[in-house]
Protein backbone atom coordinates (compact mmCIF):
# COMPACT_ATOMS: atom_id res chain seq x y z
CA MET A 1 27.61 84.50 -7.96
CA SER A 2 28.64 82.65 -11.10
CA GLU A 3 30.51 80.11 -9.00
CA GLY A 4 27.43 79.54 -6.86
CA ARG A 5 25.27 79.11 -9.95
CA SER A 6 27.85 76.69 -11.28
CA ASN A 7 27.74 74.62 -8.10
CA GLN A 8 23.95 74.59 -8.13
CA GLU A 9 23.86 73.53 -11.77
CA GLY A 10 26.43 70.80 -11.07
CA GLY A 11 24.43 69.56 -8.10
CA SER A 12 21.30 69.57 -10.19
CA ARG A 13 23.00 67.62 -12.95
CA PHE A 14 24.31 65.13 -10.35
CA GLY A 15 20.82 64.72 -8.84
CA ARG A 16 19.30 64.16 -12.24
CA GLY A 17 21.97 61.51 -12.99
CA ARG A 18 21.56 59.80 -9.62
CA GLY A 19 17.78 59.35 -9.94
CA PRO A 20 17.75 56.57 -12.57
CA VAL A 21 20.61 54.81 -10.83
CA ALA A 22 18.76 54.81 -7.51
CA ILE A 23 15.58 53.53 -9.15
CA ALA A 24 17.52 50.78 -10.90
CA ALA A 25 19.20 49.84 -7.63
CA VAL A 26 15.90 49.65 -5.77
CA ALA A 27 14.39 47.60 -8.60
CA GLY A 28 17.37 45.26 -8.46
CA VAL A 29 17.02 44.79 -4.71
CA LEU A 30 13.30 44.08 -5.09
CA ALA A 31 13.97 41.59 -7.88
CA LEU A 32 16.60 39.79 -5.83
CA THR A 33 14.26 39.70 -2.84
CA ALA A 34 11.44 38.28 -4.97
CA VAL A 35 13.74 35.66 -6.52
CA GLY A 36 14.95 34.76 -3.03
CA MET A 37 11.40 34.33 -1.84
CA VAL A 38 10.54 32.20 -4.84
CA SER A 39 13.71 30.15 -4.60
CA CYS A 40 12.96 29.59 -0.93
CA GLY A 41 9.91 27.54 -1.65
CA ASN A 42 8.64 27.21 -5.19
CA SER A 43 8.46 23.46 -5.31
CA GLY A 44 5.01 23.38 -6.82
CA GLY A 45 5.34 25.82 -9.70
CA ASN A 46 7.55 26.09 -12.77
CA GLY A 47 9.63 29.07 -11.69
CA VAL A 48 13.09 29.29 -10.17
CA GLN A 49 14.17 26.04 -8.57
CA PHE A 50 14.29 26.27 -4.79
CA TRP A 51 17.16 23.85 -4.22
CA GLN A 52 20.27 25.84 -3.34
CA ARG A 53 22.69 22.93 -3.72
CA ASN A 54 22.09 19.49 -5.15
CA ASP A 55 22.83 17.57 -1.95
CA ALA A 56 20.75 15.98 0.80
CA ALA A 57 22.46 17.85 3.64
CA SER A 58 21.14 21.18 2.32
CA ASN A 59 17.64 20.08 1.35
CA ALA A 60 16.50 16.93 3.15
CA CYS A 61 13.91 17.17 5.90
CA PRO A 62 15.14 16.53 9.44
CA ARG A 63 14.01 13.10 10.62
CA PRO A 64 12.02 12.76 13.85
CA ALA A 65 14.26 11.79 16.75
CA SER A 66 12.65 8.37 17.17
CA LEU A 67 13.54 7.43 13.60
CA THR A 68 17.22 8.34 13.74
CA GLY A 69 20.28 7.39 15.69
CA SER A 70 22.39 4.27 15.89
CA GLU A 71 20.34 1.10 16.19
CA PHE A 72 23.03 -1.42 15.38
CA ASN A 73 22.44 -3.30 18.64
CA ALA A 74 18.65 -3.06 18.40
CA GLN A 75 18.12 -3.36 14.67
CA GLU A 76 15.01 -5.50 14.84
CA THR A 77 13.36 -3.25 17.43
CA GLY A 78 14.11 -0.21 15.30
CA LEU A 79 12.69 -1.83 12.17
CA ARG A 80 9.51 -2.82 13.97
CA ALA A 81 9.01 0.75 15.18
CA LEU A 82 9.57 2.08 11.66
CA ARG A 83 7.23 -0.48 10.10
CA ARG A 84 4.52 0.29 12.66
CA ALA A 85 4.70 3.99 11.75
CA ALA A 86 4.99 3.27 8.02
CA PHE A 87 1.89 1.04 7.97
CA ARG A 88 0.00 3.89 9.62
CA GLY A 89 0.99 6.33 6.88
CA ASP A 90 4.05 8.13 8.31
CA PHE A 91 5.81 9.67 5.28
CA PHE A 92 9.21 9.88 6.94
CA ALA A 93 9.07 6.34 8.33
CA GLN A 94 8.36 5.09 4.80
CA LEU A 95 11.35 7.01 3.43
CA GLU A 96 13.54 5.75 6.25
CA LEU A 97 12.51 2.13 5.58
CA GLY A 98 13.31 2.60 1.90
CA GLY A 99 16.79 3.71 2.87
CA ARG A 100 17.29 0.97 5.46
CA TYR A 101 16.42 -1.85 3.05
CA ALA A 102 18.55 -0.18 0.36
CA ALA A 103 21.47 -0.49 2.82
CA ILE A 104 22.53 3.13 2.47
CA ARG A 105 24.22 2.77 5.86
CA ALA A 106 26.92 0.15 6.25
CA THR A 107 25.22 -1.19 9.40
CA ASP A 108 22.14 -2.11 7.34
CA LYS A 109 24.00 -4.29 4.84
CA ASN A 110 22.68 -7.47 6.45
CA ILE A 111 19.02 -6.49 5.77
CA GLU A 112 19.54 -5.27 2.20
CA ASP A 113 16.51 -6.07 0.03
CA PRO A 114 15.83 -4.06 -3.17
CA ILE A 115 12.20 -5.26 -3.44
CA GLU A 116 11.36 -4.20 0.10
CA SER A 117 13.22 -0.90 -0.35
CA ALA A 118 11.33 -0.13 -3.58
CA THR A 119 8.03 -0.97 -1.85
CA TRP A 120 8.52 1.69 0.80
CA TYR A 121 9.84 4.34 -1.57
CA ALA A 122 6.70 3.74 -3.67
CA MET A 123 4.53 4.00 -0.55
CA ALA A 124 6.19 7.32 0.34
CA LEU A 125 5.61 8.70 -3.15
CA ALA A 126 1.92 7.69 -2.98
CA ASN A 127 1.52 9.25 0.48
CA ASN A 128 -0.26 12.61 0.31
CA GLU A 129 1.67 13.68 3.42
CA GLY A 130 4.59 14.09 1.05
CA TYR A 131 3.00 16.53 -1.40
CA ALA A 132 -0.03 18.20 0.24
CA PRO A 133 1.03 21.86 0.77
CA ILE A 134 1.40 23.17 4.30
CA ASN A 135 1.73 26.90 3.64
CA ARG A 136 0.73 27.70 0.07
CA VAL A 137 0.00 31.42 -0.48
CA ASP A 138 -1.07 33.13 -3.70
CA ARG A 139 0.72 36.46 -3.47
CA GLY A 140 -0.64 37.86 -6.72
CA GLY A 141 1.40 40.17 -8.91
CA PHE A 142 4.95 39.38 -10.04
CA GLY A 143 3.61 36.52 -12.11
CA GLY A 144 1.54 35.06 -9.27
CA TRP A 145 4.45 33.46 -7.39
CA ARG A 146 3.34 30.90 -4.84
CA PRO A 147 6.09 30.55 -2.23
CA LEU A 148 5.75 27.57 0.10
CA SER A 149 7.10 26.90 3.57
CA LYS A 150 10.56 25.47 4.08
CA TYR A 151 8.86 22.25 5.16
CA ASP A 152 7.21 22.02 1.73
CA ASP A 153 10.62 22.59 0.14
CA CYS A 154 12.32 19.74 1.95
CA ARG A 155 9.42 17.34 1.30
CA ALA A 156 9.65 18.17 -2.41
CA TRP A 157 13.37 17.37 -2.29
CA GLU A 158 12.65 14.07 -0.52
CA ARG A 159 10.16 13.09 -3.24
CA HIS A 160 12.58 14.22 -5.96
CA THR A 161 15.29 11.87 -4.63
CA ALA A 162 12.78 9.07 -3.88
CA TYR A 163 11.71 9.09 -7.54
CA GLN A 164 15.35 8.79 -8.58
CA LYS A 165 16.08 5.92 -6.20
CA LEU A 166 12.88 4.04 -7.03
CA ASP A 167 13.47 4.35 -10.76
CA ARG A 168 17.02 3.09 -10.42
CA GLN A 169 15.90 0.10 -8.34
CA LEU A 170 13.01 -0.88 -10.61
CA SER A 171 15.12 -0.56 -13.76
CA GLN A 172 17.43 -3.27 -12.40
CA MET A 173 14.60 -5.71 -11.55
CA THR A 174 12.95 -8.49 -13.51
CA ARG A 175 9.25 -8.24 -14.32
CA GLU A 176 8.46 -10.73 -11.53
CA GLU A 177 10.34 -8.60 -9.00
CA GLN A 178 8.50 -5.47 -10.14
CA GLU A 179 5.20 -7.34 -9.72
CA ALA A 180 6.26 -8.27 -6.18
CA VAL A 181 6.79 -4.56 -5.41
CA ARG A 182 3.39 -3.69 -6.88
CA ASP A 183 1.62 -6.47 -4.94
CA ARG A 184 3.16 -5.36 -1.66
CA VAL A 185 2.09 -1.76 -2.20
CA ILE A 186 -1.46 -2.90 -3.05
CA TYR A 187 -1.59 -5.06 0.07
CA VAL A 188 -0.40 -2.31 2.45
CA LEU A 189 -2.85 0.21 1.00
CA SER A 190 -5.69 -2.34 1.18
CA THR A 191 -5.20 -2.48 4.97
CA GLN A 192 -5.82 1.28 5.26
CA ASP A 193 -9.57 1.20 4.60
CA ALA A 194 -11.15 3.92 2.44
CA TYR A 195 -8.02 6.08 2.38
CA GLY A 196 -5.94 3.20 1.00
CA TYR A 197 -8.48 2.29 -1.69
CA ARG A 198 -8.79 5.93 -2.76
CA THR A 199 -5.00 6.09 -3.08
CA LEU A 200 -5.03 2.94 -5.22
CA ALA A 201 -7.71 4.52 -7.40
CA ARG A 202 -5.48 7.57 -8.01
CA LEU A 203 -2.49 5.33 -8.80
CA HIS A 204 -4.50 3.87 -11.70
CA ASP A 205 -6.24 7.09 -12.80
CA GLY A 206 -4.68 8.83 -15.80
CA LEU A 207 -5.92 12.22 -14.57
CA TYR A 208 -3.37 12.15 -11.72
CA GLY A 209 0.41 12.02 -11.50
CA PRO A 210 2.37 8.73 -11.52
CA PHE A 211 1.81 8.17 -7.78
CA GLY A 212 -1.56 9.83 -7.35
CA GLU A 213 -0.32 13.38 -6.83
CA PRO A 214 -1.85 16.27 -8.82
CA GLU A 215 -0.64 16.01 -12.40
CA ASP A 216 0.86 19.53 -12.27
CA ASN A 217 2.99 18.62 -9.24
CA ARG A 218 6.62 19.48 -9.98
CA GLU A 219 7.99 16.04 -9.07
CA ALA A 220 5.28 14.36 -11.14
CA ARG A 221 6.18 16.47 -14.17
CA GLU A 222 9.84 15.71 -13.60
CA ALA A 223 9.11 11.98 -13.42
CA TRP A 224 7.28 12.18 -16.74
CA GLY A 225 10.13 14.16 -18.31
CA ARG A 226 8.03 17.32 -18.58
CA ASN A 227 10.10 19.42 -16.21
CA PRO A 228 11.01 22.69 -17.96
CA GLY A 229 13.97 23.24 -15.64
CA GLY A 230 17.36 21.57 -15.80
CA ASN A 231 19.73 21.04 -18.69
CA SER A 232 19.70 18.50 -21.49
CA ARG A 233 22.08 16.20 -19.60
CA ASP A 234 19.75 16.03 -16.59
CA ARG A 235 17.98 12.66 -16.45
CA SER A 236 14.80 14.34 -15.23
CA ARG A 237 14.44 15.78 -18.74
CA ARG A 238 14.00 12.22 -19.98
CA GLY A 239 11.78 11.16 -17.09
CA TYR A 240 11.80 8.08 -14.89
CA TYR A 241 10.29 5.39 -17.08
CA SER A 242 10.46 2.46 -14.65
CA ALA A 243 8.96 4.40 -11.73
CA THR A 244 6.11 5.91 -13.76
CA ASN A 245 5.15 2.52 -15.19
CA LEU A 246 4.94 0.58 -11.94
CA PHE A 247 1.16 1.11 -12.00
CA GLN A 248 -0.54 1.09 -15.39
CA ARG A 249 -3.32 3.63 -15.86
CA ASN A 250 -6.72 2.25 -16.78
CA ASP A 251 -10.26 3.37 -16.00
CA VAL A 252 -11.52 -0.06 -14.91
CA ASP A 253 -9.02 -0.47 -12.05
CA ALA A 254 -9.43 3.18 -11.05
CA TYR A 255 -13.21 2.63 -10.87
CA LEU A 256 -12.71 -0.68 -9.02
CA TYR A 257 -10.69 0.85 -6.18
CA ASN A 258 -13.05 3.81 -5.88
CA TYR A 259 -15.89 1.29 -5.63
CA LEU A 260 -14.07 -0.71 -2.93
CA ALA A 261 -13.54 2.53 -0.99
CA VAL A 262 -17.31 3.10 -1.05
CA GLN A 263 -17.91 -0.45 0.28
CA THR A 264 -16.09 0.52 3.49
CA GLY A 265 -18.98 2.90 4.25
CA ASP A 266 -16.94 6.08 3.77
CA VAL A 267 -19.17 8.99 2.69
CA GLY A 268 -16.32 10.93 1.09
CA ALA A 269 -15.50 7.90 -1.07
CA TYR A 270 -19.07 7.91 -2.40
CA VAL A 271 -18.72 11.55 -3.44
CA LEU A 272 -15.36 10.85 -5.12
CA LEU A 273 -16.84 7.87 -6.98
CA ARG A 274 -19.58 10.06 -8.42
CA ASP A 275 -16.99 12.67 -9.39
CA PHE A 276 -14.98 9.90 -11.08
CA GLU A 277 -18.01 8.76 -13.08
CA ARG A 278 -18.63 12.32 -14.30
CA SER A 279 -14.97 13.05 -15.15
CA ALA A 280 -15.08 11.24 -18.52
CA PRO A 281 -17.98 10.23 -20.81
CA SER A 282 -17.34 6.47 -20.77
CA ARG A 283 -16.57 5.98 -17.08
CA ASP A 284 -20.11 5.56 -15.79
CA THR A 285 -20.64 2.61 -18.19
CA TYR A 286 -18.31 0.35 -16.17
CA GLN A 287 -20.52 0.07 -13.10
CA ARG A 288 -22.04 -3.37 -13.60
CA PHE A 289 -18.76 -4.94 -14.71
CA VAL A 290 -16.85 -3.38 -11.81
CA GLU A 291 -19.41 -4.53 -9.22
CA THR A 292 -18.89 -8.14 -10.34
CA LYS A 293 -15.11 -7.74 -10.31
CA ALA A 294 -15.21 -6.16 -6.84
CA ARG A 295 -17.00 -9.22 -5.38
CA GLN A 296 -14.16 -11.39 -6.67
CA TRP A 297 -11.34 -9.06 -5.61
CA THR A 298 -8.96 -10.21 -2.89
CA PRO A 299 -5.69 -8.59 -1.75
CA PRO A 300 -2.48 -10.18 -3.07
CA PHE A 301 -1.61 -11.67 0.35
CA GLU A 302 -3.30 -12.98 3.47
CA PHE A 303 -0.82 -10.87 5.41
CA TYR A 304 2.45 -9.18 4.53
CA PRO A 305 5.01 -11.77 3.27
CA ASN A 306 7.10 -12.70 6.29
CA THR A 307 10.16 -13.72 4.34
CA ALA A 308 13.41 -12.22 5.58
CA PRO A 309 16.97 -11.61 4.45
CA GLN A 310 19.90 -13.53 5.92
CA SER A 311 19.74 -11.36 9.03
CA GLY A 312 16.66 -13.27 10.15
CA VAL A 313 14.73 -10.03 10.75
CA PRO A 314 11.26 -10.79 9.30
CA PHE A 315 9.13 -8.33 7.35
CA SER A 316 6.47 -7.95 10.00
CA ASP A 317 2.90 -7.06 9.12
CA GLU A 318 2.06 -4.05 11.28
CA SER A 319 -1.45 -3.53 9.97
CA ARG A 320 -4.04 -3.75 12.70
CA PRO A 321 -7.69 -4.84 12.55
CA ARG A 322 -9.93 -1.78 12.33
CA GLY A 323 -13.57 -1.21 13.01
CA ASP A 324 -16.34 -3.07 14.78
CA ALA A 325 -16.49 -5.87 12.19
CA TYR A 326 -12.87 -6.87 12.83
CA GLU A 327 -13.19 -6.61 16.60
CA TYR A 328 -16.37 -8.71 16.60
CA ALA A 329 -14.80 -11.37 14.34
CA LEU A 330 -11.69 -11.60 16.54
CA GLY A 331 -13.84 -11.90 19.65
CA ARG A 332 -15.53 -15.00 18.20
CA MET A 333 -12.19 -16.86 18.07
CA GLY A 334 -12.37 -17.86 21.74
CA THR A 335 -15.90 -19.26 21.68
CA GLU A 336 -16.48 -20.55 18.14
CA LEU A 337 -13.16 -21.90 16.86
CA PRO A 338 -11.80 -24.91 18.77
CA PHE A 339 -8.18 -24.30 19.77
CA LEU A 340 -7.40 -27.70 18.27
CA HIS A 341 -7.18 -26.05 14.82
CA VAL A 342 -4.64 -23.51 16.05
CA GLY A 343 -2.67 -26.36 17.65
CA ARG A 344 -2.61 -28.30 14.38
CA ALA A 345 -1.41 -25.22 12.50
CA LEU A 346 1.39 -24.71 15.03
CA ARG A 347 2.47 -28.34 14.67
CA TYR A 348 2.47 -27.97 10.86
CA LEU A 349 4.69 -24.89 11.21
CA GLY A 350 7.13 -26.79 13.43
CA VAL A 351 6.43 -24.61 16.46
CA SER A 352 5.34 -27.62 18.55
CA ASP A 353 5.87 -31.38 18.25
CA THR A 354 2.36 -32.29 19.36
CA VAL A 355 -1.08 -30.81 18.78
CA ALA A 356 -1.97 -28.44 21.60
CA LEU A 357 -5.62 -28.73 22.65
CA ARG A 358 -5.59 -25.65 24.87
CA PRO A 359 -3.51 -22.45 24.99
CA GLU A 360 -2.11 -23.65 28.34
CA ASP A 361 -0.53 -26.63 26.57
CA LEU A 362 1.93 -24.31 24.79
CA SER A 363 5.09 -23.21 26.54
CA LYS A 364 6.15 -19.57 26.68
CA ARG A 365 9.08 -20.43 24.40
CA GLN A 366 6.76 -21.94 21.77
CA VAL A 367 4.53 -18.86 21.77
CA GLU A 368 7.62 -16.63 21.42
CA THR A 369 8.76 -18.76 18.48
CA LEU A 370 5.49 -18.03 16.65
CA GLU A 371 5.74 -14.33 17.54
CA ALA A 372 9.29 -14.23 16.17
CA MET A 373 8.13 -15.89 12.93
CA LEU A 374 5.44 -13.22 12.57
CA GLY A 375 7.78 -10.36 13.49
CA HIS A 376 5.72 -9.52 16.56
CA PRO A 377 7.19 -8.47 19.92
CA MET A 378 7.98 -11.63 21.88
CA GLU A 379 5.57 -11.31 24.79
CA GLY A 380 4.93 -15.03 25.34
CA ARG A 381 1.16 -14.52 25.28
CA LEU A 382 -0.93 -15.75 22.35
CA SER A 383 -3.30 -12.99 21.22
CA TRP A 384 -6.47 -13.53 19.16
CA LEU A 385 -4.74 -12.01 16.13
CA GLU A 386 -1.75 -14.33 16.51
CA ARG A 387 -4.11 -17.32 16.55
CA VAL A 388 -5.56 -16.13 13.24
CA ARG A 389 -2.06 -15.51 11.86
CA ALA A 390 -0.97 -19.05 12.83
CA ILE A 391 -3.76 -20.55 10.71
CA GLN A 392 -3.07 -18.13 7.86
CA LEU A 393 0.65 -18.89 7.94
CA ALA A 394 0.05 -22.63 7.84
CA ALA A 395 -2.44 -22.19 4.97
CA ILE A 396 -0.09 -20.18 2.77
CA ASN A 397 2.66 -22.72 3.48
CA GLY A 398 0.55 -25.54 2.07
CA SER A 399 -1.45 -27.13 4.88
CA SER A 400 -4.72 -28.32 3.30
CA GLU A 401 -6.25 -28.62 6.77
CA ALA A 402 -5.39 -24.99 7.61
CA GLN A 403 -6.68 -23.91 4.19
CA LEU A 404 -10.02 -25.56 4.90
CA VAL A 405 -10.24 -23.99 8.37
CA LEU A 406 -9.34 -20.56 7.00
CA ALA A 407 -12.03 -20.91 4.31
CA VAL A 408 -14.63 -21.68 6.99
CA MET A 409 -13.43 -18.72 9.08
CA TYR A 410 -14.01 -16.39 6.12
CA ALA A 411 -17.35 -18.00 5.28
CA GLU A 412 -18.63 -17.65 8.88
CA GLY A 413 -16.88 -14.41 9.89
CA VAL A 414 -14.90 -16.02 12.71
CA GLY A 415 -11.54 -14.36 13.40
CA LEU A 416 -11.88 -12.41 10.17
CA PRO A 417 -14.81 -10.46 8.68
CA ALA A 418 -16.96 -12.59 6.38
CA ASP A 419 -15.59 -12.58 2.83
CA TYR A 420 -17.06 -15.07 0.36
CA ALA A 421 -14.43 -14.41 -2.30
CA ARG A 422 -11.61 -15.31 0.09
CA ALA A 423 -13.58 -18.27 1.47
CA PHE A 424 -14.04 -19.69 -2.02
CA LYS A 425 -10.35 -19.12 -2.80
CA TRP A 426 -9.24 -21.19 0.19
CA PHE A 427 -11.85 -23.90 -0.39
CA GLU A 428 -10.45 -24.13 -3.89
CA GLU A 429 -6.85 -24.37 -2.62
CA ALA A 430 -7.78 -27.15 -0.18
CA ALA A 431 -9.81 -28.99 -2.85
CA ARG A 432 -6.77 -28.92 -5.14
CA GLN A 433 -4.93 -30.90 -2.50
CA GLY A 434 -7.73 -33.46 -2.34
CA SER A 435 -9.73 -32.28 0.67
CA PRO A 436 -13.17 -33.96 0.38
CA GLU A 437 -14.68 -31.42 2.80
CA ALA A 438 -13.51 -28.56 0.59
CA LYS A 439 -14.99 -30.23 -2.48
CA PHE A 440 -18.30 -30.61 -0.68
CA ALA A 441 -18.25 -26.92 0.31
CA MET A 442 -17.48 -25.87 -3.28
CA SER A 443 -20.35 -28.02 -4.53
CA SER A 444 -22.64 -26.00 -2.25
CA TYR A 445 -21.28 -22.77 -3.72
CA PHE A 446 -22.08 -23.96 -7.24
CA ALA A 447 -25.43 -25.47 -6.25
CA LEU A 448 -26.67 -22.23 -4.66
CA GLY A 449 -24.68 -19.71 -6.66
CA VAL A 450 -22.87 -16.87 -4.90
CA ALA A 451 -23.09 -13.63 -6.89
CA GLY A 452 -19.75 -12.64 -8.37
CA VAL A 453 -17.87 -15.49 -6.69
CA ALA A 454 -19.27 -18.74 -8.12
CA ASP A 455 -22.14 -18.67 -10.58
CA GLN A 456 -24.81 -21.32 -10.21
CA ASP A 457 -23.66 -24.46 -12.02
CA LYS A 458 -25.64 -27.60 -11.15
CA ALA A 459 -23.42 -29.93 -13.21
CA GLN A 460 -20.28 -28.69 -11.50
CA ALA A 461 -21.97 -29.01 -8.11
CA VAL A 462 -22.92 -32.66 -8.76
CA ALA A 463 -19.43 -33.51 -10.03
CA LEU A 464 -17.80 -32.04 -6.93
CA ARG A 465 -20.27 -33.74 -4.60
CA ILE A 466 -19.62 -37.13 -6.21
CA ASP A 467 -15.87 -36.56 -5.98
CA SER A 468 -16.25 -35.64 -2.32
CA ALA A 469 -18.36 -38.73 -1.61
CA LEU A 470 -15.90 -41.05 -3.35
CA SER A 471 -13.19 -39.56 -1.13
CA GLY A 472 -15.19 -40.73 1.87
CA PHE A 473 -16.75 -37.52 3.20
CA GLY A 474 -19.86 -38.51 5.19
CA PRO A 475 -22.36 -35.71 4.41
CA SER A 476 -21.78 -35.89 0.66
CA ALA A 477 -21.79 -39.70 0.72
CA GLY A 478 -25.18 -39.64 2.44
CA ARG A 479 -26.43 -37.08 -0.06
CA LEU A 480 -25.15 -39.22 -2.93
CA GLN A 481 -26.94 -42.31 -1.59
CA ALA A 482 -30.21 -40.34 -1.39
CA VAL A 483 -29.79 -39.17 -4.99
CA LEU A 484 -29.03 -42.72 -6.22
CA ALA A 485 -32.06 -44.09 -4.34
CA GLN A 486 -34.28 -41.45 -5.93
CA VAL A 487 -32.91 -42.30 -9.40
CA SER A 488 -33.48 -46.03 -8.84
CA ARG A 489 -37.09 -45.46 -7.74
CA SER A 490 -37.79 -43.41 -10.85
CA GLN A 491 -36.32 -46.20 -12.97
CA GLN A 492 -38.57 -48.82 -11.30
CA ARG A 493 -41.71 -46.80 -12.09
CA ARG A 494 -40.90 -47.10 -15.75
């Protein structure tokens, strides 16, 4: 009996001792499970870092099949496909272009270009496809962990490394080179209608992260040096100064780009503009000033700079005309712009030795030469857009005749939607080179006054008209004779 009681008491003591151990073990398992869940996807919070190892193989997103693989023998074709996708907002194509122009692969050494690489890394960082959550869930409890999907994890890693690469590239550039990167980003976004202008607004708005992401985004905080994780030797503790200062925050530019987004007719942009005005006390006071500035605003380029590295692979402009206004303007090229002007532009560019009067006068080889210069597929057929590009390319390369034609195209909405700011700019460029027709056109701008582009200035108008007449331009010479006759009659009456 006593032995039985002893065994029972021993078992009881063992059970009592095992209870706390079991509870502790279960708690430990639960804690490890929770940490595992958090570490699997907490790229947006400030908890345990999700990256298991600090290498791309473990964390990078898999690239779509069309953007990977060996393209050594078809490098130009591969770049065109990437650029087409990147211009249309593909996050992974933008990252891939950044890597290609950085010459990460030995086969890309011939196209290495730090400015172009930085442009596409900056575009990827500004792309909301890179940071908008796919599977964000508020679990509640346990500190409110918010695990994300594995896809969110790898995109956060891609942005983390893109910030590092962009900062390193920009820190090694001159101020002029950094401005070239900024201008290229502004141009690409300006071709994306309301979405692009809204992105530009966020890039300049101090209430957002360095590249327009939410300011509490983990990669944004890391870029600013506000990341609570990491050790003191980690560069992210100090931030990425060059990357975060590519776009300077200021309310005027933020308002300007929101305003330009509204001018595209986008309803959502109108709502965001009103939200912007209400977000700070002084912001709604900029309206009148910004409206004037918006009328004068033009993108940094006529089309994406088609310079190229030694490989001869040009930086093609893969933006495409959008909307009814563009389609209507392009359609007018065939009926309202004599082909003679396209032929003169092609001769100026060295594509042809003589001025073609009709499209049929150009050989297939000559058309392919222009297409190669523009980075377009060589189809041997001159499209409406390529006719416009030929005149634009001649204008930016210094042809005063092409500059005058381009100004008229913008003024009349032929080939391109009407834009008085751009028209005045190209009239001004042609006038600088002595074009009497351009001087006459500018005199009309100043005589009539075009709001926000050229204020009414009668004295300036007369000076330009006289200059145009003395250069031999018929309409202004006739107008000058009429003015002189009127002055002489008034003198005789006295």
